[in-house]
Amino acid sequence: MNNLAVDLFNNIPVLNKNYTKPEMREKAVVILGSSRTTEPLMDYMNLCAQTTRELVKNGYNIVTGCGTKGIMGAAYYAAKDSSALDMKGKPIQNLAIIVNPLWGDENLNDCVIIGKASSEAERIVKFSKVADNFIIFPGGTTTLQEATTLIRYNVHSEENKFKKIILVGKEFFSGIKQQYETMAKMQFLKKSPETFFKILSEKKEILKNILGR
């Protein structure tokens, strides 16, 4: 890591506690998914960008890892380019938690970096501390790790502390759905899988679930 990167990481808080307050978590949405751009992902990237813009218009801060490609880039740039004010007249923020070492495709200039982590596993813990809403689009093994980790938090939480977890893509996430249904049949879950996460495919459905209307 060069000296500039070292200075950057030294000056970033481990996690800015201002963003862990209940009122901040309620109005924050973490968007996760592939950090690679592929042809089969294009429709999901467009859906991600459209959904992100609508969330910003409705007063939600967007939280990502500030990657510039794939789903992560679609969310990041849609949030960056969507100007809006919250109910107190403050600008909606494009937030990021970064990993050390950097992946190499991050845009550190157009976001507010609110935390850092030494691994993807640590970063997902911090994501869960700054948001009550998660939208997870298709991605690779890291995306699946993030999705199942967040679902596990819900399984082991009190119901009034559940996060809203939306997996986008009924075909892509059908395997996870089947696995959790099997666990429910074997009585490994205290409630039905739909209690802990939802699998949706349409922007209208996603927004209704987050906004409650």
Protein backbone atom coordinates (compact mmCIF):
# COMPACT_ATOMS: atom_id res chain seq x y z
CA MET A 1 0.00 0.00 0.00
CA ASN A 2 1.42 3.41 -0.93
CA ASN A 3 1.80 6.29 1.54
CA LEU A 4 -1.34 8.04 0.22
CA ALA A 5 -3.44 4.95 0.85
CA VAL A 6 -1.91 4.49 4.31
CA ASP A 7 -2.76 8.09 5.22
CA LEU A 8 -6.29 7.58 3.90
CA PHE A 9 -6.93 4.54 6.07
CA ASN A 10 -5.36 6.13 9.14
CA ASN A 11 -7.75 9.06 8.90
CA ILE A 12 -10.93 6.97 8.51
CA PRO A 13 -12.81 6.06 11.70
CA VAL A 14 -13.22 2.37 12.46
CA LEU A 15 -16.95 3.17 12.33
CA ASN A 16 -18.57 6.60 12.63
CA LYS A 17 -20.99 6.08 15.52
CA ASN A 18 -23.23 8.91 14.34
CA TYR A 19 -24.48 6.56 11.63
CA THR A 20 -25.34 3.77 14.08
CA LYS A 21 -28.12 5.79 15.74
CA PRO A 22 -31.63 4.33 15.26
CA GLU A 23 -32.88 7.32 13.27
CA MET A 24 -29.94 6.99 10.88
CA ARG A 25 -30.27 3.21 10.50
CA GLU A 26 -33.96 3.52 9.68
CA LYS A 27 -33.21 5.84 6.75
CA ALA A 28 -30.24 3.91 5.37
CA VAL A 29 -30.24 1.17 2.74
CA VAL A 30 -27.23 -1.05 2.13
CA ILE A 31 -27.08 -2.28 -1.46
CA LEU A 32 -24.98 -5.36 -2.18
CA GLY A 33 -24.23 -7.48 -5.23
CA SER A 34 -21.61 -8.20 -7.84
CA SER A 35 -18.65 -5.85 -8.17
CA ARG A 36 -18.13 -7.10 -11.73
CA THR A 37 -19.98 -5.97 -14.83
CA THR A 38 -21.27 -8.87 -16.92
CA GLU A 39 -23.79 -9.07 -19.75
CA PRO A 40 -26.29 -11.23 -17.79
CA LEU A 41 -26.17 -8.65 -15.00
CA MET A 42 -27.17 -5.62 -17.09
CA ASP A 43 -30.91 -5.80 -16.37
CA TYR A 44 -30.18 -6.10 -12.67
CA MET A 45 -27.81 -3.13 -12.84
CA ASN A 46 -30.52 -1.02 -14.47
CA LEU A 47 -33.04 -2.13 -11.83
CA CYS A 48 -30.53 -1.33 -9.12
CA ALA A 49 -29.93 2.18 -10.46
CA GLN A 50 -33.66 2.90 -10.82
CA THR A 51 -34.38 1.61 -7.32
CA THR A 52 -31.52 3.59 -5.81
CA ARG A 53 -32.72 6.83 -7.37
CA GLU A 54 -36.21 6.30 -5.97
CA LEU A 55 -34.85 5.55 -2.51
CA VAL A 56 -32.79 8.74 -2.53
CA LYS A 57 -35.87 10.73 -3.58
CA ASN A 58 -37.65 9.26 -0.58
CA GLY A 59 -34.96 10.39 1.83
CA TYR A 60 -32.78 7.31 2.21
CA ASN A 61 -28.99 7.36 2.48
CA ILE A 62 -27.37 4.68 0.32
CA VAL A 63 -24.53 2.57 1.72
CA THR A 64 -22.10 0.55 -0.43
CA GLY A 65 -18.44 -0.40 -0.58
CA CYS A 66 -17.93 2.41 -3.16
CA GLY A 67 -17.01 0.03 -5.97
CA THR A 68 -17.47 1.37 -9.50
CA LYS A 69 -18.47 -1.76 -11.42
CA GLY A 70 -21.43 -4.11 -11.57
CA ILE A 71 -24.24 -3.76 -9.05
CA MET A 72 -22.02 -1.85 -6.67
CA GLY A 73 -21.19 0.74 -9.31
CA ALA A 74 -24.82 1.03 -10.41
CA ALA A 75 -25.91 1.83 -6.84
CA TYR A 76 -22.95 4.10 -6.15
CA TYR A 77 -23.34 6.32 -9.21
CA ALA A 78 -27.13 6.41 -9.02
CA ALA A 79 -26.82 7.67 -5.45
CA LYS A 80 -24.09 10.13 -6.42
CA ASP A 81 -26.14 11.61 -9.26
CA SER A 82 -29.46 11.78 -7.38
CA SER A 83 -29.63 15.00 -5.41
CA ALA A 84 -32.26 15.21 -2.68
CA LEU A 85 -32.80 16.56 0.81
CA ASP A 86 -34.07 14.72 3.84
CA MET A 87 -36.95 15.95 6.02
CA LYS A 88 -34.56 18.21 7.94
CA GLY A 89 -33.26 19.80 4.76
CA LYS A 90 -29.93 17.98 4.81
CA PRO A 91 -28.52 16.37 1.63
CA ILE A 92 -29.04 12.62 1.25
CA GLN A 93 -25.63 10.97 1.54
CA ASN A 94 -23.76 8.44 -0.56
CA LEU A 95 -22.09 6.41 2.20
CA ALA A 96 -19.34 3.80 2.07
CA ILE A 97 -17.46 1.36 4.26
CA ILE A 98 -14.19 0.31 2.69
CA VAL A 99 -11.95 -2.73 3.11
CA ASN A 100 -8.21 -2.69 3.73
CA PRO A 101 -6.58 -3.45 1.38
CA LEU A 102 -8.73 -1.83 -1.26
CA TRP A 103 -10.05 -3.96 -4.12
CA GLY A 104 -8.72 -1.37 -6.55
CA ASP A 105 -11.90 -0.21 -8.30
CA GLU A 106 -13.29 2.09 -5.61
CA ASN A 107 -14.28 5.72 -6.13
CA LEU A 108 -13.29 7.39 -2.87
CA ASN A 109 -14.04 10.92 -4.04
CA ASP A 110 -17.83 11.03 -4.37
CA CYS A 111 -18.96 9.47 -1.12
CA VAL A 112 -18.72 9.87 2.65
CA ILE A 113 -16.55 7.08 4.04
CA ILE A 114 -18.01 6.21 7.43
CA GLY A 115 -15.94 3.17 8.35
CA LYS A 116 -13.29 0.63 7.44
CA ALA A 117 -12.82 -3.09 7.85
CA SER A 118 -9.96 -5.56 7.52
CA SER A 119 -12.10 -8.22 5.79
CA GLU A 120 -15.40 -8.71 4.01
CA ALA A 121 -16.70 -10.58 7.07
CA GLU A 122 -15.94 -7.58 9.28
CA ARG A 123 -17.46 -5.19 6.78
CA ILE A 124 -20.82 -6.98 6.71
CA VAL A 125 -20.96 -6.71 10.51
CA LYS A 126 -20.46 -2.96 10.18
CA PHE A 127 -23.01 -2.68 7.40
CA SER A 128 -25.52 -4.26 9.80
CA LYS A 129 -24.74 -1.61 12.41
CA VAL A 130 -25.48 1.36 10.14
CA ALA A 131 -28.64 0.23 8.32
CA ASP A 132 -31.92 -1.54 8.95
CA ASN A 133 -32.59 -2.13 5.23
CA PHE A 134 -30.68 -4.36 2.81
CA ILE A 135 -31.18 -4.98 -0.90
CA ILE A 136 -29.03 -7.77 -2.29
CA PHE A 137 -28.73 -8.28 -6.03
CA PRO A 138 -27.05 -11.24 -7.79
CA GLY A 139 -23.34 -11.66 -7.27
CA GLY A 140 -20.62 -14.15 -6.55
CA THR A 141 -19.51 -16.03 -3.46
CA THR A 142 -18.95 -12.87 -1.41
CA THR A 143 -22.51 -11.72 -2.14
CA LEU A 144 -23.88 -15.08 -1.00
CA GLN A 145 -21.75 -14.87 2.14
CA GLU A 146 -23.18 -11.42 2.86
CA ALA A 147 -26.76 -12.55 2.24
CA THR A 148 -26.60 -15.63 4.46
CA THR A 149 -24.77 -13.72 7.21
CA LEU A 150 -27.48 -11.07 7.31
CA ILE A 151 -30.23 -13.69 7.29
CA ARG A 152 -28.49 -15.45 10.18
CA TYR A 153 -28.59 -12.21 12.18
CA ASN A 154 -32.38 -12.10 11.70
CA VAL A 155 -32.79 -15.76 12.64
CA HIS A 156 -31.01 -15.10 15.94
CA SER A 157 -32.60 -11.70 16.66
CA GLU A 158 -35.79 -10.71 18.38
CA GLU A 159 -38.54 -10.07 15.85
CA ASN A 160 -38.75 -6.35 16.59
CA LYS A 161 -35.06 -6.09 15.68
CA PHE A 162 -35.26 -7.85 12.30
CA LYS A 163 -33.57 -6.11 9.38
CA LYS A 164 -35.48 -5.77 6.12
CA ILE A 165 -33.58 -8.10 3.77
CA ILE A 166 -34.59 -8.24 0.12
CA LEU A 167 -32.94 -10.65 -2.28
CA VAL A 168 -33.53 -9.47 -5.85
CA GLY A 169 -33.97 -12.21 -8.44
CA LYS A 170 -36.32 -15.12 -7.88
CA GLU A 171 -34.39 -17.42 -10.21
CA PHE A 172 -30.94 -16.46 -8.93
CA PHE A 173 -31.85 -16.89 -5.26
CA SER A 174 -34.11 -19.93 -5.70
CA GLY A 175 -31.45 -22.18 -4.16
CA ILE A 176 -31.33 -20.12 -0.97
CA LYS A 177 -35.11 -20.16 -0.80
CA GLN A 178 -35.19 -23.94 -1.13
CA GLN A 179 -32.46 -24.41 1.47
CA TYR A 180 -34.25 -22.29 4.07
CA GLU A 181 -37.57 -24.02 3.35
CA THR A 182 -35.83 -27.34 4.00
CA MET A 183 -34.40 -26.02 7.28
CA ALA A 184 -37.88 -24.86 8.30
CA LYS A 185 -39.33 -28.32 7.60
CA MET A 186 -36.63 -29.81 9.81
CA GLN A 187 -37.55 -27.32 12.55
CA PHE A 188 -34.20 -25.53 12.49
CA LEU A 189 -35.95 -22.16 12.16
CA LYS A 190 -38.29 -20.56 14.67
CA LYS A 191 -40.39 -18.97 11.91
CA SER A 192 -41.00 -19.37 8.17
CA PRO A 193 -38.17 -18.22 5.86
CA GLU A 194 -40.29 -15.31 4.56
CA THR A 195 -40.13 -13.82 8.04
CA PHE A 196 -36.37 -13.40 7.78
CA PHE A 197 -35.99 -12.34 4.14
CA LYS A 198 -38.00 -11.78 0.99
CA ILE A 199 -37.15 -12.64 -2.61
CA LEU A 200 -38.51 -10.05 -5.04
CA SER A 201 -37.93 -9.10 -8.67
CA GLU A 202 -39.80 -5.87 -9.43
CA LYS A 203 -38.90 -2.29 -8.50
CA LYS A 204 -42.44 -1.62 -7.28
CA GLU A 205 -42.27 -4.60 -4.91
CA ILE A 206 -38.85 -3.60 -3.59
CA LEU A 207 -39.84 0.00 -2.93
CA LYS A 208 -43.11 -1.01 -1.28
CA ASN A 209 -41.24 -3.32 1.06
CA ILE A 210 -38.70 -0.66 2.07
CA LEU A 211 -41.01 2.37 2.12
CA GLY A 212 -43.99 0.56 3.58
CA ARG A 213 -46.38 1.93 0.96
